[in-house]
Structure formats: structure tokens, C-alpha cells
Amino acid sequence: MHNPNPPLLQYEKNFTSQAGEDGVIAYALNKLPARDQWCVEFGAWDGKHCSNTYSLIQNSNYGAVLIECNPKRCAQLSATHAGKKNVIPICRFVAFEGKNCLDNILSETPIPLDFDLLSVDIDGNDYHIFESLVKYRPKLIVIEYNPSIPNEVDFVQPRNPLVTQGCSLSMLDKLAQSKNYRLIHATQLNGIFIDAKYFALFDISTNDPATLRSNLSAVT
């Protein structure tokens, strides 16, 4: 089951995002009472391809920490945002623990603890990276799920960098709730979650995956 018209569907719009995320992100950030103009994205590719942060950096003067593990793409990423002193490209593989966990990587930068937006797209271990984030608490999180999995199925791939199965939206939602985040929208590819203290600003009465996910075209 799904809802063909969830509340934030009307705001879906692509600048460089894949499935309408740019528009929903802009709408959600504009609802917040205060913003610090910082965002984080990984894997960031070349800084523009399928990016959920490029529009914020280019059009809203956002500072950014952009993480990409592929050296060639990271060089392209640096070129994409050349001259922007508040954009920090990092060529690193984000791990679940140790010096390369997201908390520790971000601690090497000046980004605030409650920065505005985190975008996670690593085709597999997105769930486990979100789970590992403890020190930092972004206001808005955009995180990829496996769109082929039905809403009613609870699935998380093994905690293994070599596996690329991802997770179901339902499990991502359960993890988010355990961290006191609330689902406000689901594009075809990403769940979009807000810190629970801001959830009332969105006037969403029912926020389960079946209600907020409109596109089931990839479900198998």
C-alpha cells in the first residue's frame, strides 16, 4: 500500500538531485527557525552529479564537507567547487568505527554539531553509517534506501563494505525513530528525516513509510 499524494510530494524538484530531493530539502530547511548554512554529503562523486547539496552550495552560499573515496572523483569534486573557501573536499572512505568513522572525520572540520543537512548515498551501508553517527546531530537527513524493497519488509544488509544491498525504508525509519528523528518524506530513492523537535512544523499527521512514499515503481 502507498499514498499517491503525500504532503511534501508537491515540493519535489531536481536541480542536480535524482528524484526531487532538491526541492524537498529547500522546503524543509526553510521551515526551520534557524539555520547555520552547513551541509555534509558522501559519496559526493564529482560534487555535482546526482548531488543533494550542489544547489545549496551554489545558490544559498552553504558551507559543505564533501566526502568521496575515489581519488579521481575527489579531484573533480575539488575542481567543481574551486575557489569556495567554505567547501571542504575530503578523499576518505567512511567507516563504521575508528578514525574514519563519520563522527571523527567531521571532528577534523569546523562544521557545527547540529549542521543543517546530511546526505548519505553510498549504495549499501547507508543504514550502518547513520547508525554509527553519535556526536553530530544534523537537523535534516537525506539517506538512500533500496527502492526495490516493499514498505512492509524489514531488511538491512550485513555490516560489510563489500555488500551493496542497502536497506528497506521501514528499517531506516525504525533506526531514525530510535535516534529521535521523524520521516517527513520519501522520494523514490531517499528517506528524508527531520530532528523530532522540528517535526511539528511540518503539520504531518501520519508519517509511516506507506503514507509518505508515493513511488513504488521499482518494487520487485
N, C-alpha and C. Protein backbone atom coordinates (compact mmCIF):
# COMPACT_ATOMS: atom_id res chain seq x y z
N MET A 1 0.84 -1.20 0.00
CA MET A 1 0.00 0.00 0.00
C MET A 1 0.88 1.25 0.00
N HIS A 2 0.37 2.30 -0.62
CA HIS A 2 1.07 3.56 -0.60
C HIS A 2 0.08 4.69 -0.80
N ASN A 3 0.53 5.89 -0.53
CA ASN A 3 -0.29 7.08 -0.69
C ASN A 3 0.18 7.81 -1.95
N PRO A 4 -0.70 8.00 -2.95
CA PRO A 4 -0.26 8.65 -4.18
C PRO A 4 0.02 10.14 -4.03
N ASN A 5 -0.33 10.72 -2.88
CA ASN A 5 -0.17 12.16 -2.73
C ASN A 5 0.25 12.55 -1.32
N PRO A 6 1.47 12.17 -0.89
CA PRO A 6 1.93 12.59 0.44
C PRO A 6 2.14 14.10 0.50
N PRO A 7 2.14 14.69 1.71
CA PRO A 7 2.13 16.15 1.85
C PRO A 7 3.26 16.89 1.14
N LEU A 8 4.47 16.35 1.11
CA LEU A 8 5.60 17.09 0.54
C LEU A 8 5.91 16.71 -0.90
N LEU A 9 5.09 15.86 -1.49
CA LEU A 9 5.32 15.46 -2.88
C LEU A 9 5.33 16.67 -3.82
N GLN A 10 4.48 17.65 -3.51
CA GLN A 10 4.36 18.83 -4.37
C GLN A 10 5.65 19.66 -4.43
N TYR A 11 6.55 19.44 -3.47
CA TYR A 11 7.79 20.22 -3.44
C TYR A 11 8.96 19.53 -4.13
N GLU A 12 8.75 18.31 -4.59
CA GLU A 12 9.84 17.60 -5.28
C GLU A 12 10.29 18.38 -6.51
N LYS A 13 11.58 18.60 -6.61
CA LYS A 13 12.15 19.32 -7.75
C LYS A 13 13.64 19.00 -7.84
N ASN A 14 14.14 18.78 -9.04
CA ASN A 14 15.55 18.48 -9.22
C ASN A 14 16.32 19.68 -9.75
N PHE A 15 17.43 19.97 -9.10
CA PHE A 15 18.45 20.87 -9.65
C PHE A 15 19.61 20.00 -10.12
N THR A 16 20.18 19.27 -9.19
CA THR A 16 21.12 18.20 -9.56
C THR A 16 20.75 16.88 -8.88
N SER A 17 19.74 16.87 -8.03
CA SER A 17 19.33 15.64 -7.35
C SER A 17 18.65 14.69 -8.33
N GLN A 18 18.42 13.45 -7.89
CA GLN A 18 17.89 12.43 -8.79
C GLN A 18 16.38 12.30 -8.79
N ALA A 19 15.75 12.47 -7.64
CA ALA A 19 14.33 12.11 -7.53
C ALA A 19 13.52 13.17 -6.78
N GLY A 20 13.86 14.44 -6.99
CA GLY A 20 13.09 15.52 -6.39
C GLY A 20 13.60 16.00 -5.05
N GLU A 21 14.73 15.46 -4.61
CA GLU A 21 15.24 15.79 -3.28
C GLU A 21 15.55 17.28 -3.11
N ASP A 22 16.10 17.92 -4.14
CA ASP A 22 16.48 19.34 -4.02
C ASP A 22 15.32 20.20 -3.54
N GLY A 23 14.17 20.00 -4.13
CA GLY A 23 13.01 20.82 -3.78
C GLY A 23 12.52 20.57 -2.37
N VAL A 24 12.49 19.31 -1.96
CA VAL A 24 12.03 18.96 -0.61
C VAL A 24 13.02 19.46 0.43
N ILE A 25 14.31 19.34 0.14
CA ILE A 25 15.33 19.86 1.06
C ILE A 25 15.18 21.37 1.25
N ALA A 26 15.02 22.10 0.16
CA ALA A 26 14.86 23.55 0.25
C ALA A 26 13.63 23.92 1.07
N TYR A 27 12.52 23.22 0.82
CA TYR A 27 11.29 23.48 1.57
C TYR A 27 11.50 23.20 3.06
N ALA A 28 12.09 22.04 3.36
CA ALA A 28 12.27 21.65 4.76
C ALA A 28 13.19 22.61 5.50
N LEU A 29 14.29 22.99 4.89
CA LEU A 29 15.22 23.91 5.55
C LEU A 29 14.57 25.27 5.79
N ASN A 30 13.74 25.70 4.86
CA ASN A 30 13.06 26.99 5.02
C ASN A 30 12.03 26.98 6.15
N LYS A 31 11.60 25.80 6.56
CA LYS A 31 10.65 25.69 7.67
C LYS A 31 11.33 25.83 9.03
N LEU A 32 12.65 25.63 9.06
CA LEU A 32 13.35 25.63 10.34
C LEU A 32 13.49 27.05 10.89
N PRO A 33 13.44 27.20 12.20
CA PRO A 33 13.54 28.54 12.81
C PRO A 33 14.92 29.16 12.70
N ALA A 34 15.96 28.31 12.59
CA ALA A 34 17.33 28.82 12.48
C ALA A 34 18.17 27.82 11.70
N ARG A 35 19.10 28.36 10.91
CA ARG A 35 19.98 27.51 10.11
C ARG A 35 21.41 28.03 10.24
N ASP A 36 22.37 27.11 10.11
CA ASP A 36 23.78 27.51 10.21
C ASP A 36 24.51 27.49 8.87
N GLN A 37 23.79 27.12 7.80
CA GLN A 37 24.35 27.17 6.44
C GLN A 37 25.50 26.19 6.22
N TRP A 38 25.39 25.01 6.85
CA TRP A 38 26.39 23.96 6.64
C TRP A 38 25.72 22.66 6.25
N CYS A 39 26.36 21.91 5.32
CA CYS A 39 25.84 20.61 4.91
C CYS A 39 26.98 19.63 4.72
N VAL A 40 26.63 18.34 4.70
CA VAL A 40 27.59 17.26 4.50
C VAL A 40 27.01 16.29 3.48
N GLU A 41 27.87 15.83 2.55
CA GLU A 41 27.41 14.81 1.61
C GLU A 41 28.53 13.80 1.34
N PHE A 42 28.14 12.52 1.30
CA PHE A 42 29.05 11.45 0.85
C PHE A 42 28.18 10.28 0.40
N GLY A 43 28.67 9.43 -0.62
CA GLY A 43 29.70 9.77 -1.53
C GLY A 43 29.28 10.92 -2.43
N ALA A 44 30.14 11.88 -2.50
CA ALA A 44 29.82 13.15 -3.16
C ALA A 44 30.11 13.15 -4.66
N TRP A 45 30.70 12.04 -5.17
CA TRP A 45 31.00 11.91 -6.59
C TRP A 45 31.87 13.09 -7.03
N ASP A 46 31.46 13.85 -8.05
CA ASP A 46 32.26 15.00 -8.51
C ASP A 46 31.74 16.32 -7.95
N GLY A 47 30.83 16.23 -6.96
CA GLY A 47 30.28 17.43 -6.35
C GLY A 47 29.02 17.95 -7.00
N LYS A 48 28.69 17.40 -8.16
CA LYS A 48 27.51 17.86 -8.89
C LYS A 48 26.61 16.72 -9.35
N HIS A 49 27.20 15.64 -9.83
CA HIS A 49 26.45 14.50 -10.35
C HIS A 49 25.57 13.89 -9.26
N CYS A 50 24.26 13.91 -9.48
CA CYS A 50 23.28 13.35 -8.52
C CYS A 50 23.43 13.94 -7.12
N SER A 51 23.88 15.18 -7.02
CA SER A 51 24.17 15.78 -5.72
C SER A 51 22.93 16.37 -5.07
N ASN A 52 22.81 16.13 -3.76
CA ASN A 52 21.74 16.74 -2.96
C ASN A 52 22.19 18.02 -2.26
N THR A 53 23.46 18.42 -2.47
CA THR A 53 23.98 19.61 -1.80
C THR A 53 24.44 20.70 -2.77
N TYR A 54 24.65 20.36 -4.03
CA TYR A 54 25.18 21.33 -5.00
C TYR A 54 24.34 22.60 -5.06
N SER A 55 23.03 22.45 -5.06
CA SER A 55 22.14 23.61 -5.13
C SER A 55 22.32 24.52 -3.91
N LEU A 56 22.47 23.93 -2.73
CA LEU A 56 22.67 24.73 -1.52
C LEU A 56 23.97 25.50 -1.58
N ILE A 57 25.02 24.83 -2.08
CA ILE A 57 26.34 25.47 -2.16
C ILE A 57 26.33 26.59 -3.20
N GLN A 58 25.76 26.32 -4.35
CA GLN A 58 25.79 27.28 -5.46
C GLN A 58 24.79 28.43 -5.28
N ASN A 59 23.61 28.10 -4.79
CA ASN A 59 22.53 29.08 -4.77
C ASN A 59 22.24 29.69 -3.41
N SER A 60 22.69 29.04 -2.34
CA SER A 60 22.38 29.54 -0.99
C SER A 60 23.63 29.76 -0.13
N ASN A 61 24.80 29.73 -0.78
CA ASN A 61 26.06 30.04 -0.12
C ASN A 61 26.34 29.14 1.09
N TYR A 62 26.01 27.86 0.96
CA TYR A 62 26.25 26.93 2.05
C TYR A 62 27.72 26.52 2.11
N GLY A 63 28.22 26.37 3.33
CA GLY A 63 29.47 25.68 3.55
C GLY A 63 29.20 24.19 3.49
N ALA A 64 30.22 23.40 3.15
CA ALA A 64 29.99 21.97 2.99
C ALA A 64 31.23 21.16 3.28
N VAL A 65 31.01 19.98 3.83
CA VAL A 65 32.03 18.94 3.90
C VAL A 65 31.58 17.85 2.93
N LEU A 66 32.37 17.65 1.88
CA LEU A 66 32.01 16.72 0.81
C LEU A 66 33.03 15.58 0.80
N ILE A 67 32.56 14.36 1.03
CA ILE A 67 33.44 13.22 1.21
C ILE A 67 33.27 12.24 0.05
N GLU A 68 34.38 11.89 -0.57
CA GLU A 68 34.38 10.96 -1.70
C GLU A 68 35.64 10.09 -1.61
N CYS A 69 35.46 8.77 -1.71
CA CYS A 69 36.62 7.89 -1.52
C CYS A 69 37.41 7.64 -2.80
N ASN A 70 36.82 7.93 -3.94
CA ASN A 70 37.50 7.71 -5.21
C ASN A 70 38.40 8.92 -5.51
N PRO A 71 39.72 8.72 -5.62
CA PRO A 71 40.64 9.86 -5.80
C PRO A 71 40.34 10.69 -7.06
N LYS A 72 40.00 10.04 -8.17
CA LYS A 72 39.71 10.77 -9.40
C LYS A 72 38.47 11.63 -9.24
N ARG A 73 37.43 11.06 -8.64
CA ARG A 73 36.20 11.83 -8.41
C ARG A 73 36.44 12.95 -7.41
N CYS A 74 37.29 12.69 -6.42
CA CYS A 74 37.57 13.72 -5.42
C CYS A 74 38.30 14.90 -6.05
N ALA A 75 39.17 14.62 -7.01
CA ALA A 75 39.85 15.70 -7.74
C ALA A 75 38.83 16.52 -8.54
N GLN A 76 37.87 15.82 -9.14
CA GLN A 76 36.80 16.52 -9.87
C GLN A 76 35.93 17.32 -8.91
N LEU A 77 35.70 16.76 -7.73
CA LEU A 77 34.94 17.45 -6.69
C LEU A 77 35.62 18.75 -6.30
N SER A 78 36.91 18.70 -6.11
CA SER A 78 37.66 19.91 -5.76
C SER A 78 37.57 20.95 -6.87
N ALA A 79 37.61 20.49 -8.12
CA ALA A 79 37.52 21.40 -9.26
C ALA A 79 36.13 22.01 -9.36
N THR A 80 35.11 21.22 -9.06
CA THR A 80 33.73 21.71 -9.12
C THR A 80 33.52 22.91 -8.21
N HIS A 81 34.13 22.85 -7.04
CA HIS A 81 33.92 23.92 -6.05
C HIS A 81 35.19 24.73 -5.82
N ALA A 82 36.05 24.80 -6.83
CA ALA A 82 37.29 25.57 -6.71
C ALA A 82 36.99 27.02 -6.36
N GLY A 83 37.76 27.56 -5.42
CA GLY A 83 37.59 28.96 -5.04
C GLY A 83 36.62 29.16 -3.91
N LYS A 84 35.89 28.12 -3.52
CA LYS A 84 34.93 28.25 -2.41
C LYS A 84 35.62 27.83 -1.11
N LYS A 85 36.00 28.81 -0.32
CA LYS A 85 36.77 28.54 0.89
C LYS A 85 35.98 27.77 1.94
N ASN A 86 34.65 27.85 1.86
CA ASN A 86 33.85 27.16 2.87
C ASN A 86 33.38 25.78 2.41
N VAL A 87 33.96 25.27 1.32
CA VAL A 87 33.69 23.90 0.87
C VAL A 87 34.94 23.07 1.12
N ILE A 88 34.78 22.00 1.89
CA ILE A 88 35.90 21.18 2.30
C ILE A 88 35.79 19.80 1.66
N PRO A 89 36.58 19.53 0.59
CA PRO A 89 36.55 18.20 -0.01
C PRO A 89 37.48 17.26 0.76
N ILE A 90 37.00 16.05 1.01
CA ILE A 90 37.80 15.07 1.74
C ILE A 90 37.78 13.75 0.97
N CYS A 91 38.97 13.25 0.65
CA CYS A 91 39.09 11.97 -0.05
C CYS A 91 39.32 10.89 1.01
N ARG A 92 38.25 10.24 1.42
CA ARG A 92 38.34 9.26 2.51
C ARG A 92 37.21 8.25 2.37
N PHE A 93 37.46 7.02 2.77
CA PHE A 93 36.41 6.01 2.83
C PHE A 93 35.79 6.08 4.22
N VAL A 94 34.50 6.35 4.30
CA VAL A 94 33.82 6.47 5.60
C VAL A 94 33.57 5.07 6.17
N ALA A 95 34.08 4.83 7.38
CA ALA A 95 33.95 3.54 8.03
C ALA A 95 32.90 3.59 9.14
N PHE A 96 32.60 2.42 9.71
CA PHE A 96 31.62 2.34 10.79
C PHE A 96 32.21 2.75 12.13
N GLU A 97 33.54 2.63 12.24
CA GLU A 97 34.19 2.90 13.53
C GLU A 97 35.63 3.33 13.29
N GLY A 98 36.30 3.75 14.34
CA GLY A 98 37.70 4.13 14.23
C GLY A 98 37.90 5.53 13.67
N LYS A 99 39.12 5.83 13.23
CA LYS A 99 39.45 7.19 12.81
C LYS A 99 38.69 7.64 11.58
N ASN A 100 38.20 6.70 10.78
CA ASN A 100 37.47 7.05 9.56
C ASN A 100 35.96 6.98 9.71
N CYS A 101 35.47 6.88 10.94
CA CYS A 101 34.01 6.96 11.12
C CYS A 101 33.59 8.41 10.89
N LEU A 102 32.33 8.61 10.57
CA LEU A 102 31.86 9.95 10.20
C LEU A 102 32.06 10.96 11.32
N ASP A 103 31.78 10.56 12.54
CA ASP A 103 31.99 11.47 13.68
C ASP A 103 33.43 12.00 13.70
N ASN A 104 34.39 11.11 13.53
CA ASN A 104 35.79 11.52 13.61
C ASN A 104 36.24 12.34 12.41
N ILE A 105 35.74 12.00 11.22
CA ILE A 105 36.07 12.80 10.04
C ILE A 105 35.55 14.22 10.21
N LEU A 106 34.31 14.34 10.64
CA LEU A 106 33.71 15.68 10.79
C LEU A 106 34.40 16.48 11.89
N SER A 107 34.92 15.78 12.90
CA SER A 107 35.58 16.50 14.01
C SER A 107 36.86 17.18 13.55
N GLU A 108 37.37 16.83 12.37
CA GLU A 108 38.55 17.47 11.81
C GLU A 108 38.20 18.76 11.07
N THR A 109 36.94 19.09 11.00
CA THR A 109 36.46 20.26 10.26
C THR A 109 35.78 21.24 11.22
N PRO A 110 35.49 22.46 10.76
CA PRO A 110 34.82 23.44 11.64
C PRO A 110 33.30 23.33 11.64
N ILE A 111 32.73 22.28 11.08
CA ILE A 111 31.28 22.19 10.94
C ILE A 111 30.61 22.10 12.32
N PRO A 112 29.48 22.78 12.51
CA PRO A 112 28.77 22.73 13.80
C PRO A 112 28.24 21.33 14.10
N LEU A 113 28.00 21.05 15.36
CA LEU A 113 27.49 19.73 15.76
C LEU A 113 26.10 19.47 15.22
N ASP A 114 25.30 20.52 15.09
CA ASP A 114 23.92 20.34 14.61
C ASP A 114 23.74 20.99 13.23
N PHE A 115 24.69 20.70 12.32
CA PHE A 115 24.64 21.31 10.99
C PHE A 115 23.31 21.00 10.30
N ASP A 116 23.01 21.75 9.25
CA ASP A 116 21.66 21.73 8.67
C ASP A 116 21.29 20.43 7.96
N LEU A 117 22.18 19.90 7.12
CA LEU A 117 21.81 18.78 6.25
C LEU A 117 22.92 17.75 6.15
N LEU A 118 22.54 16.48 6.27
CA LEU A 118 23.42 15.35 5.97
C LEU A 118 22.79 14.54 4.85
N SER A 119 23.54 14.32 3.78
CA SER A 119 23.09 13.48 2.67
C SER A 119 24.00 12.26 2.56
N VAL A 120 23.40 11.07 2.66
CA VAL A 120 24.15 9.81 2.65
C VAL A 120 23.74 8.98 1.44
N ASP A 121 24.70 8.71 0.56
CA ASP A 121 24.42 7.90 -0.61
C ASP A 121 25.67 7.09 -0.95
N ILE A 122 25.76 5.89 -0.37
CA ILE A 122 26.94 5.06 -0.62
C ILE A 122 26.55 3.67 -1.14
N ASP A 123 25.31 3.52 -1.59
CA ASP A 123 24.89 2.30 -2.27
C ASP A 123 25.17 1.04 -1.45
N GLY A 124 24.66 1.01 -0.24
CA GLY A 124 24.81 -0.20 0.55
C GLY A 124 24.74 -0.01 2.04
N ASN A 125 25.81 0.51 2.62
CA ASN A 125 25.91 0.59 4.08
C ASN A 125 25.39 1.90 4.67
N ASP A 126 24.51 2.55 3.96
CA ASP A 126 23.95 3.82 4.43
C ASP A 126 23.36 3.69 5.84
N TYR A 127 22.60 2.62 6.06
CA TYR A 127 21.97 2.36 7.37
C TYR A 127 23.03 2.32 8.47
N HIS A 128 24.11 1.57 8.23
CA HIS A 128 25.12 1.37 9.27
C HIS A 128 25.92 2.65 9.55
N ILE A 129 26.12 3.46 8.51
CA ILE A 129 26.79 4.74 8.72
C ILE A 129 25.91 5.67 9.56
N PHE A 130 24.62 5.70 9.26
CA PHE A 130 23.68 6.50 10.05
C PHE A 130 23.67 6.01 11.50
N GLU A 131 23.67 4.71 11.65
CA GLU A 131 23.65 4.13 13.00
C GLU A 131 24.88 4.53 13.80
N SER A 132 26.02 4.67 13.11
CA SER A 132 27.29 4.98 13.79
C SER A 132 27.41 6.45 14.20
N LEU A 133 26.57 7.31 13.65
CA LEU A 133 26.68 8.74 13.92
C LEU A 133 26.12 9.05 15.31
N VAL A 134 26.99 9.54 16.19
CA VAL A 134 26.60 9.78 17.58
C VAL A 134 26.85 11.23 18.00
N LYS A 135 28.05 11.72 17.71
CA LYS A 135 28.46 13.04 18.18
C LYS A 135 27.71 14.16 17.47
N TYR A 136 27.49 14.01 16.17
CA TYR A 136 26.85 15.06 15.37
C TYR A 136 25.36 14.77 15.21
N ARG A 137 24.59 15.85 15.15
CA ARG A 137 23.14 15.69 15.05
C ARG A 137 22.59 16.67 14.00
N PRO A 138 22.69 16.31 12.73
CA PRO A 138 22.14 17.19 11.68
C PRO A 138 20.64 17.37 11.85
N LYS A 139 20.17 18.55 11.47
CA LYS A 139 18.74 18.84 11.59
C LYS A 139 17.92 18.02 10.58
N LEU A 140 18.45 17.88 9.37
CA LEU A 140 17.75 17.19 8.29
C LEU A 140 18.69 16.13 7.72
N ILE A 141 18.14 14.93 7.48
CA ILE A 141 18.96 13.84 6.94
C ILE A 141 18.26 13.26 5.71
N VAL A 142 19.02 13.16 4.62
CA VAL A 142 18.54 12.50 3.40
C VAL A 142 19.39 11.26 3.22
N ILE A 143 18.76 10.10 3.21
CA ILE A 143 19.53 8.86 3.22
C ILE A 143 18.89 7.82 2.31
N GLU A 144 19.74 7.17 1.54
CA GLU A 144 19.26 6.25 0.50
C GLU A 144 18.75 4.94 1.10
N TYR A 145 17.67 4.43 0.51
CA TYR A 145 17.18 3.09 0.84
C TYR A 145 17.09 2.30 -0.47
N ASN A 146 16.83 1.01 -0.37
CA ASN A 146 16.70 0.17 -1.56
C ASN A 146 15.26 0.25 -2.06
N PRO A 147 15.02 0.89 -3.22
CA PRO A 147 13.64 1.12 -3.68
C PRO A 147 12.95 -0.13 -4.20
N SER A 148 13.68 -1.22 -4.32
CA SER A 148 13.05 -2.46 -4.79
C SER A 148 12.35 -3.21 -3.67
N ILE A 149 12.57 -2.78 -2.42
CA ILE A 149 12.01 -3.49 -1.26
C ILE A 149 10.66 -2.88 -0.87
N PRO A 150 9.60 -3.68 -0.73
CA PRO A 150 8.28 -3.16 -0.34
C PRO A 150 8.31 -2.52 1.04
N ASN A 151 7.35 -1.64 1.30
CA ASN A 151 7.28 -0.93 2.58
C ASN A 151 7.19 -1.86 3.77
N GLU A 152 6.50 -2.99 3.62
CA GLU A 152 6.22 -3.86 4.76
C GLU A 152 7.38 -4.80 5.11
N VAL A 153 8.45 -4.76 4.32
CA VAL A 153 9.58 -5.67 4.55
C VAL A 153 10.67 -4.98 5.35
N ASP A 154 11.09 -5.61 6.44
CA ASP A 154 12.21 -5.12 7.24
C ASP A 154 13.48 -5.82 6.78
N PHE A 155 14.41 -5.05 6.22
CA PHE A 155 15.65 -5.65 5.72
C PHE A 155 16.81 -4.68 5.88
N VAL A 156 17.92 -5.19 6.38
CA VAL A 156 19.18 -4.45 6.43
C VAL A 156 20.28 -5.39 5.98
N GLN A 157 21.10 -4.94 5.08
CA GLN A 157 22.21 -5.76 4.61
C GLN A 157 23.24 -5.98 5.71
N PRO A 158 24.11 -6.96 5.56
CA PRO A 158 25.19 -7.15 6.55
C PRO A 158 26.07 -5.91 6.66
N ARG A 159 26.68 -5.75 7.80
CA ARG A 159 27.57 -4.61 8.08
C ARG A 159 28.92 -4.88 7.41
N ASN A 160 28.91 -4.78 6.10
CA ASN A 160 30.06 -5.22 5.30
C ASN A 160 30.25 -4.27 4.12
N PRO A 161 31.40 -3.60 4.02
CA PRO A 161 31.63 -2.65 2.93
C PRO A 161 31.57 -3.28 1.54
N LEU A 162 31.71 -4.59 1.45
CA LEU A 162 31.71 -5.26 0.15
C LEU A 162 30.30 -5.61 -0.34
N VAL A 163 29.30 -5.42 0.52
CA VAL A 163 27.91 -5.73 0.17
C VAL A 163 27.19 -4.44 -0.21
N THR A 164 26.35 -4.52 -1.24
CA THR A 164 25.68 -3.30 -1.74
C THR A 164 24.17 -3.50 -1.86
N GLN A 165 23.57 -4.18 -0.90
CA GLN A 165 22.13 -4.44 -0.96
C GLN A 165 21.30 -3.31 -0.36
N GLY A 166 21.86 -2.56 0.55
CA GLY A 166 21.13 -1.46 1.18
C GLY A 166 20.17 -1.93 2.25
N CYS A 167 19.13 -1.16 2.44
CA CYS A 167 18.13 -1.49 3.47
C CYS A 167 16.76 -1.05 2.99
N SER A 168 15.74 -1.54 3.67
CA SER A 168 14.38 -1.12 3.36
C SER A 168 14.08 0.21 4.03
N LEU A 169 13.11 0.92 3.48
CA LEU A 169 12.69 2.19 4.08
C LEU A 169 12.15 1.97 5.49
N SER A 170 11.47 0.86 5.70
CA SER A 170 10.89 0.58 7.02
C SER A 170 11.98 0.47 8.09
N MET A 171 13.10 -0.19 7.76
CA MET A 171 14.17 -0.32 8.74
C MET A 171 14.89 1.00 8.96
N LEU A 172 15.03 1.77 7.89
CA LEU A 172 15.63 3.09 8.02
C LEU A 172 14.78 3.97 8.93
N ASP A 173 13.46 3.87 8.77
CA ASP A 173 12.54 4.64 9.60
C ASP A 173 12.63 4.22 11.07
N LYS A 174 12.76 2.93 11.32
CA LYS A 174 12.87 2.45 12.70
C LYS A 174 14.16 2.93 13.35
N LEU A 175 15.24 2.91 12.59
CA LEU A 175 16.51 3.42 13.11
C LEU A 175 16.40 4.91 13.41
N ALA A 176 15.80 5.65 12.47
CA ALA A 176 15.63 7.10 12.66
C ALA A 176 14.82 7.39 13.92
N GLN A 177 13.74 6.66 14.12
CA GLN A 177 12.92 6.88 15.31
C GLN A 177 13.72 6.61 16.58
N SER A 178 14.57 5.58 16.55
CA SER A 178 15.38 5.27 17.73
C SER A 178 16.37 6.38 18.04
N LYS A 179 16.71 7.19 17.03
CA LYS A 179 17.61 8.32 17.19
C LYS A 179 16.83 9.63 17.36
N ASN A 180 15.52 9.53 17.49
CA ASN A 180 14.63 10.69 17.68
C ASN A 180 14.60 11.60 16.44
N TYR A 181 14.53 10.95 15.28
CA TYR A 181 14.24 11.63 14.01
C TYR A 181 12.90 11.13 13.50
N ARG A 182 12.27 11.93 12.65
CA ARG A 182 10.97 11.55 12.11
C ARG A 182 10.98 11.67 10.59
N LEU A 183 10.40 10.70 9.94
CA LEU A 183 10.26 10.71 8.49
C LEU A 183 9.27 11.80 8.07
N ILE A 184 9.68 12.65 7.11
CA ILE A 184 8.75 13.67 6.59
C ILE A 184 8.44 13.45 5.11
N HIS A 185 9.28 12.65 4.42
CA HIS A 185 9.02 12.39 3.00
C HIS A 185 9.90 11.24 2.54
N ALA A 186 9.44 10.57 1.50
CA ALA A 186 10.25 9.54 0.86
C ALA A 186 10.16 9.74 -0.64
N THR A 187 11.29 10.08 -1.26
CA THR A 187 11.33 10.11 -2.72
C THR A 187 11.49 8.66 -3.19
N GLN A 188 11.62 8.47 -4.47
CA GLN A 188 11.78 7.11 -4.98
C GLN A 188 13.05 6.45 -4.44
N LEU A 189 14.05 7.28 -4.05
CA LEU A 189 15.36 6.73 -3.67
C LEU A 189 15.77 7.02 -2.24
N ASN A 190 15.23 8.06 -1.64
CA ASN A 190 15.72 8.52 -0.34
C ASN A 190 14.62 8.74 0.69
N GLY A 191 14.91 8.37 1.93
CA GLY A 191 14.08 8.79 3.04
C GLY A 191 14.60 10.13 3.53
N ILE A 192 13.68 11.03 3.87
CA ILE A 192 14.06 12.37 4.35
C ILE A 192 13.53 12.51 5.77
N PHE A 193 14.45 12.74 6.72
CA PHE A 193 14.12 12.73 8.14
C PHE A 193 14.49 14.06 8.78
N ILE A 194 13.67 14.48 9.74
CA ILE A 194 13.91 15.72 10.46
C ILE A 194 14.10 15.42 11.95
N ASP A 195 14.96 16.18 12.60
CA ASP A 195 15.07 16.07 14.05
C ASP A 195 13.67 16.22 14.65
N ALA A 196 13.31 15.32 15.56
CA ALA A 196 11.94 15.27 16.08
C ALA A 196 11.47 16.58 16.68
N LYS A 197 12.41 17.40 17.17
CA LYS A 197 11.98 18.66 17.79
C LYS A 197 11.41 19.64 16.78
N TYR A 198 11.65 19.38 15.47
CA TYR A 198 11.10 20.25 14.43
C TYR A 198 9.91 19.61 13.70
N PHE A 199 9.56 18.40 14.05
CA PHE A 199 8.56 17.66 13.28
C PHE A 199 7.20 18.37 13.23
N ALA A 200 6.81 18.98 14.33
CA ALA A 200 5.51 19.65 14.38
C ALA A 200 5.40 20.79 13.38
N LEU A 201 6.52 21.35 12.95
CA LEU A 201 6.50 22.45 11.98
C LEU A 201 5.94 22.02 10.63
N PHE A 202 5.91 20.70 10.38
CA PHE A 202 5.53 20.21 9.05
C PHE A 202 4.07 19.78 8.97
N ASP A 203 3.37 19.78 10.09
CA ASP A 203 1.94 19.50 10.10
C ASP A 203 1.61 18.20 9.35
N ILE A 204 2.38 17.16 9.63
CA ILE A 204 2.16 15.85 9.03
C ILE A 204 1.50 14.95 10.07
N SER A 205 0.28 14.54 9.82
CA SER A 205 -0.47 13.79 10.83
C SER A 205 -0.05 12.33 10.91
N THR A 206 0.27 11.72 9.77
CA THR A 206 0.69 10.33 9.72
C THR A 206 1.97 10.23 8.91
N ASN A 207 3.01 9.64 9.49
CA ASN A 207 4.30 9.69 8.81
C ASN A 207 4.95 8.32 8.64
N ASP A 208 4.15 7.27 8.56
CA ASP A 208 4.73 5.96 8.30
C ASP A 208 5.16 5.87 6.84
N PRO A 209 6.08 4.94 6.49
CA PRO A 209 6.55 4.83 5.11
C PRO A 209 5.45 4.66 4.07
N ALA A 210 4.44 3.89 4.37
CA ALA A 210 3.37 3.66 3.40
C ALA A 210 2.60 4.94 3.07
N THR A 211 2.55 5.86 4.03
CA THR A 211 1.83 7.12 3.82
C THR A 211 2.69 8.13 3.06
N LEU A 212 3.99 8.13 3.32
CA LEU A 212 4.86 9.18 2.76
C LEU A 212 5.64 8.75 1.53
N ARG A 213 5.53 7.50 1.14
CA ARG A 213 6.23 7.01 -0.05
C ARG A 213 5.22 6.85 -1.20
N SER A 214 5.34 7.65 -2.23
CA SER A 214 4.36 7.64 -3.31
C SER A 214 4.78 6.80 -4.50
N ASN A 215 6.08 6.60 -4.67
CA ASN A 215 6.58 5.94 -5.89
C ASN A 215 7.05 4.53 -5.57
N LEU A 216 6.30 3.53 -6.02
CA LEU A 216 6.65 2.14 -5.80
C LEU A 216 7.06 1.47 -7.11
N SER A 217 7.44 2.25 -8.10
CA SER A 217 7.70 1.70 -9.43
C SER A 217 8.87 0.73 -9.48
N ALA A 218 9.79 0.83 -8.51
CA ALA A 218 10.97 -0.05 -8.53
C ALA A 218 10.79 -1.30 -7.68
N VAL A 219 9.66 -1.40 -6.99
CA VAL A 219 9.45 -2.54 -6.09
C VAL A 219 9.37 -3.85 -6.88
N THR A 220 10.07 -4.86 -6.36
CA THR A 220 10.03 -6.17 -7.00
C THR A 220 9.35 -7.18 -6.10
